[in-house]
Amino acid sequence: MDKNRIEGAAKELKGTLKEAAGKLTGNQKLEAEGKADKTAGHVQSALGRGKDAVRDALK
């Protein structure tokens, strides 16, 4: 498993928590940051999945 998948999942979780905290407190900036973190984490996870697929195909 590529480290990007793990780091991406962590960023997604962090983003989800920030977004929820922003919604609870009415802080739109925090909510937007959470959404951005979730998106960045999703992209990083996808990159890791791609690297894993290439690595597996070369075996």
PDB file of N, CA and C in Angstrom:
ATOM      1  N   MET A   1       0.849  -1.176   0.000  1.00  0.00           N
ATOM      2  CA  MET A   1       0.000   0.000   0.000  1.00  0.00           C
ATOM      3  C   MET A   1       0.897   1.243   0.000  1.00  0.00           C
ATOM      4  N   ASP A   2       0.593   2.120  -0.907  1.00  0.00           N
ATOM      5  CA  ASP A   2       1.380   3.342  -1.056  1.00  0.00           C
ATOM      6  C   ASP A   2       1.095   4.305   0.095  1.00  0.00           C
ATOM      7  N   LYS A   3       2.129   5.017   0.524  1.00  0.00           N
ATOM      8  CA  LYS A   3       1.967   5.939   1.652  1.00  0.00           C
ATOM      9  C   LYS A   3       1.000   7.077   1.312  1.00  0.00           C
ATOM     10  N   ASN A   4       0.850   7.401   0.026  1.00  0.00           N
ATOM     11  CA  ASN A   4      -0.094   8.445  -0.364  1.00  0.00           C
ATOM     12  C   ASN A   4      -1.533   8.057  -0.024  1.00  0.00           C
ATOM     13  N   ARG A   5      -1.836   6.783  -0.103  1.00  0.00           N
ATOM     14  CA  ARG A   5      -3.192   6.333   0.248  1.00  0.00           C
ATOM     15  C   ARG A   5      -3.467   6.573   1.732  1.00  0.00           C
ATOM     16  N   ILE A   6      -2.474   6.288   2.556  1.00  0.00           N
ATOM     17  CA  ILE A   6      -2.638   6.457   4.000  1.00  0.00           C
ATOM     18  C   ILE A   6      -2.735   7.942   4.357  1.00  0.00           C
ATOM     19  N   GLU A   7      -1.813   8.729   3.808  1.00  0.00           N
ATOM     20  CA  GLU A   7      -1.826  10.169   4.091  1.00  0.00           C
ATOM     21  C   GLU A   7      -3.099  10.816   3.543  1.00  0.00           C
ATOM     22  N   GLY A   8      -3.547  10.367   2.386  1.00  0.00           N
ATOM     23  CA  GLY A   8      -4.776  10.904   1.800  1.00  0.00           C
ATOM     24  C   GLY A   8      -5.989  10.606   2.663  1.00  0.00           C
ATOM     25  N   ALA A   9      -6.055   9.399   3.182  1.00  0.00           N
ATOM     26  CA  ALA A   9      -7.171   9.034   4.056  1.00  0.00           C
ATOM     27  C   ALA A   9      -7.158   9.879   5.326  1.00  0.00           C
ATOM     28  N   ALA A  10      -5.966  10.147   5.845  1.00  0.00           N
ATOM     29  CA  ALA A  10      -5.851  10.979   7.043  1.00  0.00           C
ATOM     30  C   ALA A  10      -6.321  12.403   6.750  1.00  0.00           C
ATOM     31  N   LYS A  11      -5.953  12.938   5.577  1.00  0.00           N
ATOM     32  CA  LYS A  11      -6.392  14.286   5.207  1.00  0.00           C
ATOM     33  C   LYS A  11      -7.901  14.342   5.028  1.00  0.00           C
ATOM     34  N   GLU A  12      -8.461  13.280   4.434  1.00  0.00           N
ATOM     35  CA  GLU A  12      -9.917  13.242   4.266  1.00  0.00           C
ATOM     36  C   GLU A  12     -10.616  13.266   5.622  1.00  0.00           C
ATOM     37  N   LEU A  13     -10.115  12.495   6.562  1.00  0.00           N
ATOM     38  CA  LEU A  13     -10.699  12.460   7.900  1.00  0.00           C
ATOM     39  C   LEU A  13     -10.580  13.825   8.573  1.00  0.00           C
ATOM     40  N   LYS A  14      -9.397  14.420   8.467  1.00  0.00           N
ATOM     41  CA  LYS A  14      -9.183  15.752   9.042  1.00  0.00           C
ATOM     42  C   LYS A  14     -10.156  16.755   8.434  1.00  0.00           C
ATOM     43  N   GLY A  15     -10.336  16.673   7.121  1.00  0.00           N
ATOM     44  CA  GLY A  15     -11.263  17.571   6.439  1.00  0.00           C
ATOM     45  C   GLY A  15     -12.695  17.368   6.878  1.00  0.00           C
ATOM     46  N   THR A  16     -13.087  16.128   7.056  1.00  0.00           N
ATOM     47  CA  THR A  16     -14.440  15.828   7.513  1.00  0.00           C
ATOM     48  C   THR A  16     -14.687  16.417   8.893  1.00  0.00           C
ATOM     49  N   LEU A  17     -13.697  16.270   9.774  1.00  0.00           N
ATOM     50  CA  LEU A  17     -13.837  16.803  11.127  1.00  0.00           C
ATOM     51  C   LEU A  17     -13.897  18.333  11.125  1.00  0.00           C
ATOM     52  N   LYS A  18     -13.033  18.957  10.312  1.00  0.00           N
ATOM     53  CA  LYS A  18     -13.035  20.419  10.228  1.00  0.00           C
ATOM     54  C   LYS A  18     -14.359  20.932   9.663  1.00  0.00           C
ATOM     55  N   GLU A  19     -14.840  20.251   8.644  1.00  0.00           N
ATOM     56  CA  GLU A  19     -16.106  20.659   8.028  1.00  0.00           C
ATOM     57  C   GLU A  19     -17.255  20.558   9.029  1.00  0.00           C
ATOM     58  N   ALA A  20     -17.289  19.465   9.773  1.00  0.00           N
ATOM     59  CA  ALA A  20     -18.332  19.283  10.776  1.00  0.00           C
ATOM     60  C   ALA A  20     -18.237  20.336  11.874  1.00  0.00           C
ATOM     61  N   ALA A  21     -17.012  20.626  12.306  1.00  0.00           N
ATOM     62  CA  ALA A  21     -16.822  21.645  13.339  1.00  0.00           C
ATOM     63  C   ALA A  21     -17.259  23.012  12.824  1.00  0.00           C
ATOM     64  N   GLY A  22     -16.963  23.285  11.572  1.00  0.00           N
ATOM     65  CA  GLY A  22     -17.377  24.548  10.975  1.00  0.00           C
ATOM     66  C   GLY A  22     -18.880  24.687  10.897  1.00  0.00           C
ATOM     67  N   LYS A  23     -19.552  23.585  10.556  1.00  0.00           N
ATOM     68  CA  LYS A  23     -21.015  23.606  10.488  1.00  0.00           C
ATOM     69  C   LYS A  23     -21.617  23.806  11.885  1.00  0.00           C
ATOM     70  N   LEU A  24     -21.043  23.119  12.863  1.00  0.00           N
ATOM     71  CA  LEU A  24     -21.570  23.217  14.229  1.00  0.00           C
ATOM     72  C   LEU A  24     -21.425  24.624  14.801  1.00  0.00           C
ATOM     73  N   THR A  25     -20.303  25.248  14.507  1.00  0.00           N
ATOM     74  CA  THR A  25     -20.043  26.562  15.077  1.00  0.00           C
ATOM     75  C   THR A  25     -20.497  27.707  14.176  1.00  0.00           C
ATOM     76  N   GLY A  26     -20.910  27.376  12.962  1.00  0.00           N
ATOM     77  CA  GLY A  26     -21.326  28.412  12.029  1.00  0.00           C
ATOM     78  C   GLY A  26     -20.141  29.141  11.405  1.00  0.00           C
ATOM     79  N   ASN A  27     -18.975  28.540  11.493  1.00  0.00           N
ATOM     80  CA  ASN A  27     -17.756  29.136  10.958  1.00  0.00           C
ATOM     81  C   ASN A  27     -17.580  28.686   9.508  1.00  0.00           C
ATOM     82  N   GLN A  28     -17.937  29.551   8.573  1.00  0.00           N
ATOM     83  CA  GLN A  28     -17.901  29.187   7.158  1.00  0.00           C
ATOM     84  C   GLN A  28     -16.474  28.980   6.656  1.00  0.00           C
ATOM     85  N   LYS A  29     -15.531  29.716   7.203  1.00  0.00           N
ATOM     86  CA  LYS A  29     -14.132  29.568   6.795  1.00  0.00           C
ATOM     87  C   LYS A  29     -13.611  28.177   7.159  1.00  0.00           C
ATOM     88  N   LEU A  30     -13.892  27.742   8.380  1.00  0.00           N
ATOM     89  CA  LEU A  30     -13.457  26.424   8.828  1.00  0.00           C
ATOM     90  C   LEU A  30     -14.135  25.330   8.006  1.00  0.00           C
ATOM     91  N   GLU A  31     -15.397  25.525   7.706  1.00  0.00           N
ATOM     92  CA  GLU A  31     -16.130  24.565   6.887  1.00  0.00           C
ATOM     93  C   GLU A  31     -15.512  24.453   5.488  1.00  0.00           C
ATOM     94  N   ALA A  32     -15.169  25.595   4.905  1.00  0.00           N
ATOM     95  CA  ALA A  32     -14.554  25.603   3.575  1.00  0.00           C
ATOM     96  C   ALA A  32     -13.169  24.949   3.604  1.00  0.00           C
ATOM     97  N   GLU A  33     -12.404  25.215   4.663  1.00  0.00           N
ATOM     98  CA  GLU A  33     -11.095  24.573   4.795  1.00  0.00           C
ATOM     99  C   GLU A  33     -11.259  23.060   4.883  1.00  0.00           C
ATOM    100  N   GLY A  34     -12.264  22.615   5.605  1.00  0.00           N
ATOM    101  CA  GLY A  34     -12.518  21.183   5.728  1.00  0.00           C
ATOM    102  C   GLY A  34     -12.844  20.555   4.387  1.00  0.00           C
ATOM    103  N   LYS A  35     -13.663  21.240   3.600  1.00  0.00           N
ATOM    104  CA  LYS A  35     -13.999  20.723   2.271  1.00  0.00           C
ATOM    105  C   LYS A  35     -12.755  20.651   1.393  1.00  0.00           C
ATOM    106  N   ALA A  36     -11.899  21.664   1.482  1.00  0.00           N
ATOM    107  CA  ALA A  36     -10.666  21.670   0.696  1.00  0.00           C
ATOM    108  C   ALA A  36      -9.739  20.535   1.133  1.00  0.00           C
ATOM    109  N   ASP A  37      -9.638  20.302   2.437  1.00  0.00           N
ATOM    110  CA  ASP A  37      -8.801  19.205   2.936  1.00  0.00           C
ATOM    111  C   ASP A  37      -9.334  17.857   2.473  1.00  0.00           C
ATOM    112  N   LYS A  38     -10.651  17.707   2.496  1.00  0.00           N
ATOM    113  CA  LYS A  38     -11.255  16.459   2.030  1.00  0.00           C
ATOM    114  C   LYS A  38     -10.930  16.209   0.568  1.00  0.00           C
ATOM    115  N   THR A  39     -11.030  17.248  -0.234  1.00  0.00           N
ATOM    116  CA  THR A  39     -10.742  17.112  -1.664  1.00  0.00           C
ATOM    117  C   THR A  39      -9.271  16.772  -1.891  1.00  0.00           C
ATOM    118  N   ALA A  40      -8.390  17.463  -1.191  1.00  0.00           N
ATOM    119  CA  ALA A  40      -6.956  17.191  -1.322  1.00  0.00           C
ATOM    120  C   ALA A  40      -6.640  15.753  -0.900  1.00  0.00           C
ATOM    121  N   GLY A  41      -7.266  15.301   0.163  1.00  0.00           N
ATOM    122  CA  GLY A  41      -7.060  13.931   0.625  1.00  0.00           C
ATOM    123  C   GLY A  41      -7.556  12.912  -0.373  1.00  0.00           C
ATOM    124  N   HIS A  42      -8.688  13.211  -0.982  1.00  0.00           N
ATOM    125  CA  HIS A  42      -9.253  12.304  -1.985  1.00  0.00           C
ATOM    126  C   HIS A  42      -8.309  12.193  -3.187  1.00  0.00           C
ATOM    127  N   VAL A  43      -7.786  13.316  -3.628  1.00  0.00           N
ATOM    128  CA  VAL A  43      -6.853  13.325  -4.763  1.00  0.00           C
ATOM    129  C   VAL A  43      -5.584  12.548  -4.408  1.00  0.00           C
ATOM    130  N   GLN A  44      -5.063  12.764  -3.218  1.00  0.00           N
ATOM    131  CA  GLN A  44      -3.843  12.068  -2.806  1.00  0.00           C
ATOM    132  C   GLN A  44      -4.089  10.561  -2.707  1.00  0.00           C
ATOM    133  N   SER A  45      -5.254  10.168  -2.213  1.00  0.00           N
ATOM    134  CA  SER A  45      -5.587   8.745  -2.144  1.00  0.00           C
ATOM    135  C   SER A  45      -5.665   8.136  -3.543  1.00  0.00           C
ATOM    136  N   ALA A  46      -6.253   8.874  -4.466  1.00  0.00           N
ATOM    137  CA  ALA A  46      -6.360   8.393  -5.841  1.00  0.00           C
ATOM    138  C   ALA A  46      -4.973   8.223  -6.457  1.00  0.00           C
ATOM    139  N   LEU A  47      -4.065   9.146  -6.172  1.00  0.00           N
ATOM    140  CA  LEU A  47      -2.695   9.043  -6.655  1.00  0.00           C
ATOM    141  C   LEU A  47      -2.045   7.772  -6.107  1.00  0.00           C
ATOM    142  N   GLY A  48      -2.248   7.523  -4.839  1.00  0.00           N
ATOM    143  CA  GLY A  48      -1.697   6.314  -4.224  1.00  0.00           C
ATOM    144  C   GLY A  48      -2.266   5.047  -4.826  1.00  0.00           C
ATOM    145  N   ARG A  49      -3.573   5.044  -5.100  1.00  0.00           N
ATOM    146  CA  ARG A  49      -4.188   3.879  -5.738  1.00  0.00           C
ATOM    147  C   ARG A  49      -3.601   3.665  -7.138  1.00  0.00           C
ATOM    148  N   GLY A  50      -3.354   4.754  -7.849  1.00  0.00           N
ATOM    149  CA  GLY A  50      -2.749   4.663  -9.174  1.00  0.00           C
ATOM    150  C   GLY A  50      -1.348   4.082  -9.114  1.00  0.00           C
ATOM    151  N   LYS A  51      -0.570   4.551  -8.148  1.00  0.00           N
ATOM    152  CA  LYS A  51       0.787   4.022  -7.984  1.00  0.00           C
ATOM    153  C   LYS A  51       0.750   2.534  -7.641  1.00  0.00           C
ATOM    154  N   ASP A  52      -0.193   2.146  -6.786  1.00  0.00           N
ATOM    155  CA  ASP A  52      -0.327   0.726  -6.440  1.00  0.00           C
ATOM    156  C   ASP A  52      -0.694  -0.093  -7.665  1.00  0.00           C
ATOM    157  N   ALA A  53      -1.582   0.424  -8.500  1.00  0.00           N
ATOM    158  CA  ALA A  53      -2.009  -0.297  -9.693  1.00  0.00           C
ATOM    159  C   ALA A  53      -0.834  -0.486 -10.654  1.00  0.00           C
ATOM    160  N   VAL A  54      -0.033   0.552 -10.819  1.00  0.00           N
ATOM    161  CA  VAL A  54       1.140   0.450 -11.708  1.00  0.00           C
ATOM    162  C   VAL A  54       2.134  -0.559 -11.140  1.00  0.00           C
ATOM    163  N   ARG A  55       2.374  -0.468  -9.848  1.00  0.00           N
ATOM    164  CA  ARG A  55       3.317  -1.386  -9.201  1.00  0.00           C
ATOM    165  C   ARG A  55       2.852  -2.833  -9.355  1.00  0.00           C
ATOM    166  N   ASP A  56       1.559  -3.069  -9.170  1.00  0.00           N
ATOM    167  CA  ASP A  56       1.022  -4.430  -9.297  1.00  0.00           C
ATOM    168  C   ASP A  56       1.088  -4.920 -10.744  1.00  0.00           C
ATOM    169  N   ALA A  57       0.870  -4.008 -11.693  1.00  0.00           N
ATOM    170  CA  ALA A  57       0.906  -4.401 -13.098  1.00  0.00           C
ATOM    171  C   ALA A  57       2.326  -4.764 -13.538  1.00  0.00           C
ATOM    172  N   LEU A  58       3.323  -4.165 -12.915  1.00  0.00           N
ATOM    173  CA  LEU A  58       4.704  -4.446 -13.287  1.00  0.00           C
ATOM    174  C   LEU A  58       5.255  -5.712 -12.655  1.00  0.00           C
ATOM    175  N   LYS A  59       4.526  -6.291 -11.733  1.00  0.00           N
ATOM    176  CA  LYS A  59       4.997  -7.517 -11.072  1.00  0.00           C
ATOM    177  C   LYS A  59       4.812  -8.705 -11.961  1.00  0.00           C
TER     178      LYS A  59
END
